[in-house]
Amino acid sequence: MTDSLLTNTSAMTALLALNQTQQSLATYENQVSTGKSVATAADNAAYWSIATTMSSQVGSLNAVSASLSESSSLLSTMSAALNSVVSVMNGLQQNLTTALSYASEGSTSDLANVQSMISEQQQQLISIGGSSVFNGVNFLDTTGGNVQLLASYNQLTGASYISVNTSSTQLFETAATTATQGVLGAKGTNYTSASILTLSVTSATAGDISNMLKDVQSAITSLTTAASTLGADQNNVTSQQNFISNLTDSLTAGVGSLVDADMNEASTKISALQVQQQLGVQALAIANSNTQMILKLFGL
């Protein structure tokens, strides 16, 4: 029997239990709707802070991954271009060998025909070097120097890079037809009168052509080395891509372990709390019904 009309302790206890049940129910319903057990700092300040920092790092690594993909495509483009240049240079070497044979025999009239083929190959070299552009970058038609490719980033040490020395890949500088630098643009070491892009066998002696061949062979060796270096740089980029991908997955999993909700547990808790809520409402109704007995005492 209720001792006081003003203070119904049974109803107060039942209401308190019902409120606690509803708060717990709201918490687990929020976990199911958001998928997170720690959605704000209020849920768990320490976990939220750690997860936020890690999520920020994941965002930075995603940007690095995109940059590495671009770098890989860039290096692939330049490698393919260098391979094409080496192929043309091999053809040029063959034509110079033919020219050397004609010059040695004294068949100077045939040198003009050979020169026409060499001129076409020289134009091919200029075309390949000048058109090997990826996103505004060209390692072949350049003034040379180091290019920094973004490799990684962390909040403690900042960014790290893969350095590519384009001096070894430089075929010529911007003005290809008047180039004086680069593997193809600079004048030869043995045939000092012209570069590979400007040499002519039309009136050359056998000795001149022999020196041209030496310069061409030297250039092929340099270009092959440059292509190998670009290949190694591309392997470095690929390795870094794999590392960044694994690191991103690890950090993402770490964030998930800190803040993601256990959906099986949450759904089970919701079912149990819904039952408790129904029972709490019924208990509150019973507690409040006791005061109705007083009215009967007054015949109401």
Protein backbone atom coordinates (compact mmCIF):
# COMPACT_ATOMS: atom_id res chain seq x y z
CA MET A 1 0.00 0.00 0.00
CA THR A 2 1.27 3.50 -0.86
CA ASP A 3 2.36 5.51 2.20
CA SER A 4 2.16 8.92 0.55
CA LEU A 5 0.26 10.50 -2.28
CA LEU A 6 3.15 12.92 -2.90
CA THR A 7 5.96 10.39 -2.99
CA ASN A 8 5.32 7.14 -4.82
CA THR A 9 8.67 5.39 -4.34
CA SER A 10 7.58 2.33 -6.29
CA ALA A 11 6.69 4.43 -9.31
CA MET A 12 9.93 6.41 -8.99
CA THR A 13 11.99 3.22 -8.93
CA ALA A 14 10.09 1.78 -11.89
CA LEU A 15 10.50 5.04 -13.84
CA LEU A 16 14.24 5.15 -13.11
CA ALA A 17 14.67 1.58 -14.34
CA LEU A 18 12.61 2.34 -17.46
CA ASN A 19 14.70 5.45 -18.24
CA GLN A 20 17.93 3.47 -17.91
CA THR A 21 16.56 0.79 -20.20
CA GLN A 22 15.52 3.39 -22.78
CA GLN A 23 18.96 5.07 -22.64
CA SER A 24 20.69 1.74 -23.23
CA LEU A 25 18.26 0.94 -26.01
CA ALA A 26 18.95 4.30 -27.66
CA THR A 27 22.70 3.66 -27.43
CA TYR A 28 22.51 0.30 -29.19
CA GLU A 29 20.00 1.57 -31.76
CA ASN A 30 22.47 4.37 -32.57
CA GLN A 31 25.24 1.77 -32.97
CA VAL A 32 23.12 -0.17 -35.44
CA SER A 33 22.17 2.96 -37.40
CA THR A 34 25.73 4.37 -37.56
CA GLY A 35 27.69 1.12 -37.48
CA LYS A 36 29.92 2.61 -34.79
CA SER A 37 30.20 2.03 -31.09
CA VAL A 38 32.31 5.20 -30.77
CA ALA A 39 30.79 7.82 -33.05
CA THR A 40 31.76 10.92 -31.05
CA ALA A 41 34.29 11.88 -28.39
CA ALA A 42 31.52 11.61 -25.81
CA ASP A 43 31.25 7.86 -26.45
CA ASN A 44 34.91 7.19 -25.62
CA ALA A 45 37.32 10.13 -25.71
CA ALA A 46 40.52 8.06 -25.88
CA TYR A 47 39.36 5.68 -28.63
CA TRP A 48 37.79 8.52 -30.61
CA SER A 49 41.02 10.55 -30.51
CA ILE A 50 43.19 7.61 -31.59
CA ALA A 51 40.76 6.59 -34.33
CA THR A 52 40.50 10.17 -35.64
CA THR A 53 44.30 10.45 -35.89
CA MET A 54 44.56 7.10 -37.65
CA SER A 55 41.73 8.00 -40.05
CA SER A 56 43.55 11.21 -40.92
CA GLN A 57 46.66 9.18 -41.72
CA VAL A 58 44.60 6.84 -43.91
CA GLY A 59 43.34 9.86 -45.83
CA SER A 60 46.91 11.05 -46.41
CA LEU A 61 47.99 7.58 -47.53
CA ASN A 62 45.10 7.41 -49.99
CA ALA A 63 46.41 10.63 -51.55
CA VAL A 64 49.93 9.12 -51.64
CA SER A 65 48.54 5.99 -53.29
CA ALA A 66 46.91 8.10 -56.02
CA SER A 67 50.19 9.95 -56.54
CA LEU A 68 52.11 6.66 -56.77
CA SER A 69 49.68 5.39 -59.40
CA GLU A 70 50.31 8.52 -61.44
CA SER A 71 54.08 8.14 -60.95
CA SER A 72 53.91 4.52 -62.10
CA SER A 73 52.09 5.56 -65.27
CA LEU A 74 54.61 8.35 -65.82
CA LEU A 75 57.59 6.01 -65.50
CA SER A 76 55.88 3.42 -67.69
CA THR A 77 55.37 6.05 -70.40
CA MET A 78 58.99 7.17 -70.25
CA SER A 79 60.29 3.59 -70.24
CA ALA A 80 58.23 2.73 -73.31
CA ALA A 81 59.50 5.87 -75.05
CA LEU A 82 63.12 5.01 -74.26
CA ASN A 83 62.62 1.49 -75.58
CA SER A 84 61.30 2.98 -78.82
CA VAL A 85 64.29 5.31 -79.00
CA VAL A 86 66.70 2.38 -78.54
CA SER A 87 64.89 0.52 -81.32
CA VAL A 88 65.26 3.47 -83.70
CA MET A 89 68.91 3.83 -82.68
CA ASN A 90 69.54 0.20 -83.56
CA GLY A 91 68.12 0.88 -87.01
CA LEU A 92 70.30 3.99 -87.29
CA GLN A 93 73.33 1.92 -86.38
CA GLN A 94 72.49 -0.56 -89.14
CA ASN A 95 72.16 2.24 -91.69
CA LEU A 96 75.48 3.73 -90.62
CA THR A 97 77.08 0.33 -91.02
CA THR A 98 75.68 0.17 -94.55
CA ALA A 99 76.98 3.68 -95.20
CA LEU A 100 80.42 2.66 -93.93
CA SER A 101 80.43 -0.20 -96.44
CA TYR A 102 79.53 2.16 -99.31
CA ALA A 103 82.11 4.74 -98.24
CA SER A 104 84.81 2.08 -97.98
CA GLU A 105 83.96 0.88 -101.50
CA GLY A 106 83.90 4.42 -102.82
CA SER A 107 80.17 4.21 -103.73
CA THR A 108 79.45 7.77 -102.68
CA SER A 109 76.32 8.01 -104.83
CA ASP A 110 74.59 5.43 -102.60
CA LEU A 111 75.31 7.43 -99.46
CA ALA A 112 72.53 9.89 -100.36
CA ASN A 113 69.96 7.07 -100.29
CA VAL A 114 71.22 5.91 -96.92
CA GLN A 115 71.13 9.46 -95.62
CA SER A 116 67.45 9.75 -96.55
CA MET A 117 66.71 6.80 -94.25
CA ILE A 118 68.93 8.22 -91.52
CA SER A 119 67.13 11.59 -91.77
CA GLU A 120 63.79 9.82 -91.27
CA GLN A 121 65.18 8.08 -88.20
CA GLN A 122 66.49 11.38 -86.83
CA GLN A 123 63.00 12.85 -87.20
CA GLN A 124 61.57 9.80 -85.46
CA LEU A 125 63.90 10.36 -82.53
CA ILE A 126 62.85 14.00 -82.28
CA SER A 127 59.17 13.02 -82.53
CA ILE A 128 59.41 10.33 -79.86
CA GLY A 129 61.35 12.56 -77.49
CA GLY A 130 59.11 15.56 -77.99
CA SER A 131 55.80 13.70 -77.70
CA SER A 132 56.64 11.56 -74.65
CA VAL A 133 54.61 13.76 -72.32
CA PHE A 134 52.59 12.53 -69.35
CA ASN A 135 50.56 15.11 -67.45
CA GLY A 136 52.87 17.87 -68.64
CA VAL A 137 56.07 16.00 -67.69
CA ASN A 138 58.68 14.78 -70.17
CA PHE A 139 61.89 13.05 -69.06
CA LEU A 140 63.31 12.91 -72.61
CA ASP A 141 62.82 16.45 -73.92
CA THR A 142 64.16 18.27 -70.87
CA THR A 143 66.99 20.31 -69.44
CA GLY A 144 67.75 17.46 -67.02
CA GLY A 145 67.76 17.36 -63.23
CA ASN A 146 66.19 15.49 -60.34
CA VAL A 147 62.43 14.85 -60.25
CA GLN A 148 60.91 14.00 -56.88
CA LEU A 149 58.06 11.48 -56.87
CA LEU A 150 55.98 11.34 -53.70
CA ALA A 151 56.50 7.96 -52.02
CA SER A 152 55.00 8.23 -48.55
CA TYR A 153 53.80 10.57 -45.81
CA ASN A 154 53.46 10.44 -42.05
CA GLN A 155 52.70 13.07 -39.43
CA LEU A 156 56.04 12.70 -37.65
CA THR A 157 58.59 12.94 -40.47
CA GLY A 158 56.47 14.38 -43.27
CA ALA A 159 56.78 13.35 -46.91
CA SER A 160 59.39 11.04 -48.45
CA TYR A 161 60.24 10.81 -52.13
CA ILE A 162 61.69 8.62 -54.87
CA SER A 163 64.23 10.68 -56.80
CA VAL A 164 64.58 10.25 -60.57
CA ASN A 165 67.62 11.78 -62.26
CA THR A 166 66.40 12.90 -65.69
CA SER A 167 69.91 13.92 -66.74
CA SER A 168 70.49 10.32 -67.79
CA THR A 169 67.22 10.18 -69.77
CA GLN A 170 67.68 13.56 -71.49
CA LEU A 171 67.76 13.08 -75.26
CA PHE A 172 67.85 16.80 -76.00
CA GLU A 173 66.64 20.05 -74.52
CA THR A 174 63.46 21.80 -75.63
CA ALA A 175 64.69 23.08 -79.00
CA ALA A 176 65.31 19.65 -80.55
CA THR A 177 66.40 20.88 -83.98
CA THR A 178 69.09 23.10 -82.47
CA ALA A 179 69.82 20.95 -79.44
CA THR A 180 73.30 21.03 -77.97
CA GLN A 181 72.71 18.89 -74.88
CA GLY A 182 71.53 15.38 -74.07
CA VAL A 183 72.39 11.93 -75.34
CA LEU A 184 71.23 12.78 -78.87
CA GLY A 185 71.55 16.56 -78.87
CA ALA A 186 75.19 16.99 -77.87
CA LYS A 187 77.95 16.70 -80.44
CA GLY A 188 79.70 13.36 -80.54
CA THR A 189 82.85 12.47 -78.66
CA ASN A 190 84.36 10.75 -81.66
CA TYR A 191 82.65 12.60 -84.51
CA THR A 192 82.74 16.13 -83.13
CA SER A 193 81.23 17.92 -86.11
CA ALA A 194 77.60 16.96 -85.42
CA SER A 195 75.26 15.32 -82.97
CA ILE A 196 73.33 12.13 -83.63
CA LEU A 197 70.33 14.29 -84.59
CA THR A 198 72.32 16.29 -87.18
CA LEU A 199 74.93 13.86 -88.53
CA SER A 200 75.01 13.28 -92.29
CA VAL A 201 76.82 10.61 -94.31
CA THR A 202 76.26 12.17 -97.73
CA SER A 203 79.81 13.45 -98.07
CA ALA A 204 81.39 11.70 -95.10
CA THR A 205 84.53 9.61 -95.28
CA ALA A 206 84.79 6.06 -94.03
CA GLY A 207 86.71 7.40 -91.02
CA ASP A 208 83.92 9.89 -90.24
CA ILE A 209 81.23 7.21 -90.43
CA SER A 210 83.30 4.91 -88.27
CA ASN A 211 83.43 7.63 -85.61
CA MET A 212 79.68 8.20 -86.00
CA LEU A 213 79.13 4.51 -85.29
CA LYS A 214 81.18 4.77 -82.13
CA ASP A 215 79.06 7.67 -80.91
CA VAL A 216 75.84 5.83 -81.78
CA GLN A 217 76.99 2.73 -79.92
CA SER A 218 77.92 4.86 -76.92
CA ALA A 219 74.49 6.52 -77.05
CA ILE A 220 72.72 3.14 -77.21
CA THR A 221 74.66 2.02 -74.15
CA SER A 222 73.69 5.21 -72.28
CA LEU A 223 70.05 4.88 -73.28
CA THR A 224 69.95 1.22 -72.26
CA THR A 225 71.38 2.16 -68.86
CA ALA A 226 68.82 4.97 -68.52
CA ALA A 227 65.98 2.57 -69.40
CA SER A 228 67.23 0.12 -66.80
CA THR A 229 67.36 2.90 -64.20
CA LEU A 230 63.78 3.91 -65.00
CA GLY A 231 62.78 0.26 -64.71
CA ALA A 232 64.35 0.10 -61.25
CA ASP A 233 62.53 3.32 -60.28
CA GLN A 234 59.27 1.80 -61.51
CA ASN A 235 59.90 -1.29 -59.37
CA ASN A 236 60.49 0.99 -56.38
CA VAL A 237 57.18 2.73 -57.03
CA THR A 238 55.37 -0.61 -57.32
CA SER A 239 56.91 -1.84 -54.07
CA GLN A 240 55.91 1.38 -52.36
CA GLN A 241 52.38 1.04 -53.73
CA ASN A 242 52.11 -2.42 -52.19
CA PHE A 243 53.48 -1.14 -48.88
CA ILE A 244 51.10 1.83 -48.79
CA SER A 245 48.18 -0.46 -49.64
CA ASN A 246 49.05 -2.88 -46.83
CA LEU A 247 49.63 -0.02 -44.38
CA THR A 248 46.31 1.56 -45.30
CA ASP A 249 44.50 -1.75 -44.79
CA SER A 250 46.20 -2.21 -41.41
CA LEU A 251 45.29 1.29 -40.23
CA THR A 252 41.73 0.93 -41.49
CA ALA A 253 41.38 -2.35 -39.60
CA GLY A 254 42.81 -0.65 -36.50
CA VAL A 255 40.27 2.15 -36.73
CA GLY A 256 37.51 -0.42 -37.15
CA SER A 257 38.58 -2.35 -34.06
CA LEU A 258 38.42 0.86 -32.01
CA VAL A 259 35.13 2.38 -33.15
CA ASP A 260 33.09 -0.14 -35.16
CA ALA A 261 30.08 -1.67 -33.48
CA ASP A 262 29.61 -5.42 -33.07
CA MET A 263 26.36 -5.70 -35.00
CA ASN A 264 25.53 -9.16 -33.68
CA GLU A 265 25.93 -8.00 -30.09
CA ALA A 266 24.05 -4.77 -30.72
CA SER A 267 21.06 -6.51 -32.34
CA THR A 268 20.93 -9.05 -29.50
CA LYS A 269 21.06 -6.27 -26.91
CA ILE A 270 18.27 -4.38 -28.68
CA SER A 271 16.01 -7.43 -28.57
CA ALA A 272 16.68 -7.93 -24.86
CA LEU A 273 16.25 -4.24 -24.02
CA GLN A 274 12.96 -4.05 -25.93
CA VAL A 275 11.64 -6.82 -23.68
CA GLN A 276 12.97 -4.96 -20.62
CA GLN A 277 11.31 -1.80 -21.88
CA GLN A 278 7.94 -3.52 -22.16
CA LEU A 279 8.33 -4.98 -18.69
CA GLY A 280 9.41 -1.57 -17.34
CA VAL A 281 6.32 0.08 -18.77
CA GLN A 282 4.18 -2.62 -17.20
CA ALA A 283 5.98 -2.27 -13.83
CA LEU A 284 5.45 1.50 -13.90
CA ALA A 285 1.79 0.99 -14.68
CA ILE A 286 1.47 -1.38 -11.72
CA ALA A 287 3.26 1.09 -9.41
CA ASN A 288 0.99 3.92 -10.49
CA SER A 289 -2.11 1.76 -10.16
CA ASN A 290 -1.55 1.52 -6.40
CA THR A 291 -2.56 5.15 -5.98
CA GLN A 292 -5.85 4.34 -7.67
CA MET A 293 -6.75 2.22 -4.63
CA ILE A 294 -6.94 5.38 -2.51
CA LEU A 295 -9.67 6.74 -4.70
CA LYS A 296 -11.76 3.69 -3.92
CA LEU A 297 -11.48 4.51 -0.23
CA PHE A 298 -13.33 7.72 -0.98
CA GLY A 299 -15.83 5.94 -3.11
CA LEU A 300 -14.49 7.53 -6.27
